[in-house]
Amino acid sequence: GKNEAALTELGIKRISIPKKGKKTQKRQTHERQRWFRRLQAWRAGGEGTISILKRKYGLGRSLLRGHRGVSIWVGFGILTYNLRRLAAMN
């Protein structure tokens, strides 16, 4: 609830954070909307890609913290992936 409220205040119109536990009928209807389900699938795909990069290229636990740290860590994973693909082309 707090995260959704904070994101709404920032002007984000569509927020796809599933509620845990017992859901009201209104919340169930909200989470069944097509856009909500599509954002959940997109999120799962992104998290899956990060997980694959982590395992494939040995990117263990990061000491970097917060949003900036995660951005750097994911950036290293993507850079490693792209460099390996370029090297395989030659």
C-alpha atoms as a PDB file:
ATOM      1  CA  GLY A   1       0.000   0.000   0.000  1.00  0.00           C
ATOM      2  CA  LYS A   2       2.716   2.479   0.915  1.00  0.00           C
ATOM      3  CA  ASN A   3       4.709   1.738  -2.238  1.00  0.00           C
ATOM      4  CA  GLU A   4       1.641   2.155  -4.446  1.00  0.00           C
ATOM      5  CA  ALA A   5       0.767   5.451  -2.778  1.00  0.00           C
ATOM      6  CA  ALA A   6       4.314   6.774  -3.181  1.00  0.00           C
ATOM      7  CA  LEU A   7       4.430   5.784  -6.857  1.00  0.00           C
ATOM      8  CA  THR A   8       1.016   7.322  -7.491  1.00  0.00           C
ATOM      9  CA  GLU A   9       2.259  10.591  -5.967  1.00  0.00           C
ATOM     10  CA  LEU A  10       5.142  10.517  -8.470  1.00  0.00           C
ATOM     11  CA  GLY A  11       2.570  10.443 -11.281  1.00  0.00           C
ATOM     12  CA  ILE A  12       2.836   6.800 -12.273  1.00  0.00           C
ATOM     13  CA  LYS A  13      -0.569   5.723 -13.567  1.00  0.00           C
ATOM     14  CA  ARG A  14      -0.259   1.955 -13.775  1.00  0.00           C
ATOM     15  CA  ILE A  15       1.363   0.163 -10.878  1.00  0.00           C
ATOM     16  CA  SER A  16       1.546  -3.620 -10.833  1.00  0.00           C
ATOM     17  CA  ILE A  17       2.364  -4.660  -7.293  1.00  0.00           C
ATOM     18  CA  PRO A  18       0.313  -7.707  -6.270  1.00  0.00           C
ATOM     19  CA  LYS A  19      -1.151  -7.646  -2.795  1.00  0.00           C
ATOM     20  CA  LYS A  20      -0.251 -10.555  -0.549  1.00  0.00           C
ATOM     21  CA  GLY A  21      -2.761 -12.260   1.686  1.00  0.00           C
ATOM     22  CA  LYS A  22      -6.519 -11.973   1.551  1.00  0.00           C
ATOM     23  CA  LYS A  23      -7.738  -9.577  -1.122  1.00  0.00           C
ATOM     24  CA  THR A  24     -10.940  -7.610  -1.278  1.00  0.00           C
ATOM     25  CA  GLN A  25     -13.251  -8.055  -4.275  1.00  0.00           C
ATOM     26  CA  LYS A  26     -12.151  -4.615  -5.512  1.00  0.00           C
ATOM     27  CA  ARG A  27      -8.485  -5.643  -5.305  1.00  0.00           C
ATOM     28  CA  GLN A  28      -9.158  -8.949  -7.083  1.00  0.00           C
ATOM     29  CA  THR A  29     -10.889  -7.087  -9.905  1.00  0.00           C
ATOM     30  CA  HIS A  30      -7.957  -4.639 -10.077  1.00  0.00           C
ATOM     31  CA  GLU A  31      -5.380  -7.452 -10.331  1.00  0.00           C
ATOM     32  CA  ARG A  32      -7.382  -9.264 -13.040  1.00  0.00           C
ATOM     33  CA  GLN A  33      -7.146  -6.365 -15.452  1.00  0.00           C
ATOM     34  CA  ARG A  34      -5.196  -7.134 -18.598  1.00  0.00           C
ATOM     35  CA  TRP A  35      -2.663  -4.339 -18.128  1.00  0.00           C
ATOM     36  CA  PHE A  36      -1.925  -5.518 -14.581  1.00  0.00           C
ATOM     37  CA  ARG A  37      -1.279  -9.103 -15.737  1.00  0.00           C
ATOM     38  CA  ARG A  38       0.882  -7.898 -18.636  1.00  0.00           C
ATOM     39  CA  LEU A  39       3.047  -5.813 -16.298  1.00  0.00           C
ATOM     40  CA  GLN A  40       3.427  -8.842 -14.022  1.00  0.00           C
ATOM     41  CA  ALA A  41       4.594 -10.953 -16.977  1.00  0.00           C
ATOM     42  CA  TRP A  42       7.042  -8.222 -18.035  1.00  0.00           C
ATOM     43  CA  ARG A  43       8.402  -8.010 -14.500  1.00  0.00           C
ATOM     44  CA  ALA A  44       8.830 -11.790 -14.268  1.00  0.00           C
ATOM     45  CA  GLY A  45      10.650 -11.796 -17.615  1.00  0.00           C
ATOM     46  CA  GLY A  46      13.054  -9.081 -16.482  1.00  0.00           C
ATOM     47  CA  GLU A  47      13.767 -10.812 -13.195  1.00  0.00           C
ATOM     48  CA  GLY A  48      14.297 -14.104 -15.040  1.00  0.00           C
ATOM     49  CA  THR A  49      16.789 -12.490 -17.411  1.00  0.00           C
ATOM     50  CA  ILE A  50      18.741 -11.022 -14.501  1.00  0.00           C
ATOM     51  CA  SER A  51      18.767 -14.421 -12.811  1.00  0.00           C
ATOM     52  CA  ILE A  52      20.124 -16.110 -15.951  1.00  0.00           C
ATOM     53  CA  LEU A  53      22.867 -13.479 -16.321  1.00  0.00           C
ATOM     54  CA  LYS A  54      23.761 -13.920 -12.674  1.00  0.00           C
ATOM     55  CA  ARG A  55      24.176 -17.695 -12.946  1.00  0.00           C
ATOM     56  CA  LYS A  56      25.710 -17.782 -16.406  1.00  0.00           C
ATOM     57  CA  TYR A  57      28.414 -15.197 -15.785  1.00  0.00           C
ATOM     58  CA  GLY A  58      29.141 -15.807 -12.134  1.00  0.00           C
ATOM     59  CA  LEU A  59      27.731 -12.566 -10.850  1.00  0.00           C
ATOM     60  CA  GLY A  60      27.429 -13.500  -7.218  1.00  0.00           C
ATOM     61  CA  ARG A  61      26.004 -11.422  -4.443  1.00  0.00           C
ATOM     62  CA  SER A  62      26.648  -7.739  -4.889  1.00  0.00           C
ATOM     63  CA  LEU A  63      27.965  -5.450  -2.179  1.00  0.00           C
ATOM     64  CA  LEU A  64      26.292  -2.555  -3.964  1.00  0.00           C
ATOM     65  CA  ARG A  65      23.071  -1.471  -2.263  1.00  0.00           C
ATOM     66  CA  GLY A  66      19.997   0.527  -3.164  1.00  0.00           C
ATOM     67  CA  HIS A  67      18.621   1.476  -6.557  1.00  0.00           C
ATOM     68  CA  ARG A  68      21.970   2.785  -7.782  1.00  0.00           C
ATOM     69  CA  GLY A  69      23.736  -0.400  -6.716  1.00  0.00           C
ATOM     70  CA  VAL A  70      21.216  -2.636  -8.438  1.00  0.00           C
ATOM     71  CA  SER A  71      21.498  -0.532 -11.589  1.00  0.00           C
ATOM     72  CA  ILE A  72      25.279  -0.926 -11.612  1.00  0.00           C
ATOM     73  CA  TRP A  73      25.087  -4.669 -10.881  1.00  0.00           C
ATOM     74  CA  VAL A  74      22.551  -5.304 -13.659  1.00  0.00           C
ATOM     75  CA  GLY A  75      24.564  -3.097 -16.009  1.00  0.00           C
ATOM     76  CA  PHE A  76      27.658  -5.252 -15.427  1.00  0.00           C
ATOM     77  CA  GLY A  77      25.610  -8.351 -16.215  1.00  0.00           C
ATOM     78  CA  ILE A  78      24.302  -6.907 -19.463  1.00  0.00           C
ATOM     79  CA  LEU A  79      27.751  -5.631 -20.436  1.00  0.00           C
ATOM     80  CA  THR A  80      29.252  -9.071 -19.788  1.00  0.00           C
ATOM     81  CA  TYR A  81      26.529 -10.739 -21.850  1.00  0.00           C
ATOM     82  CA  ASN A  82      27.035  -8.350 -24.780  1.00  0.00           C
ATOM     83  CA  LEU A  83      30.845  -8.638 -24.705  1.00  0.00           C
ATOM     84  CA  ARG A  84      30.638 -12.435 -24.717  1.00  0.00           C
ATOM     85  CA  ARG A  85      28.277 -12.353 -27.693  1.00  0.00           C
ATOM     86  CA  LEU A  86      30.603  -9.986 -29.576  1.00  0.00           C
ATOM     87  CA  ALA A  87      33.593 -12.199 -28.834  1.00  0.00           C
ATOM     88  CA  ALA A  88      31.701 -15.246 -30.136  1.00  0.00           C
ATOM     89  CA  MET A  89      31.058 -13.467 -33.456  1.00  0.00           C
ATOM     90  CA  ASN A  90      34.751 -13.312 -34.338  1.00  0.00           C
END
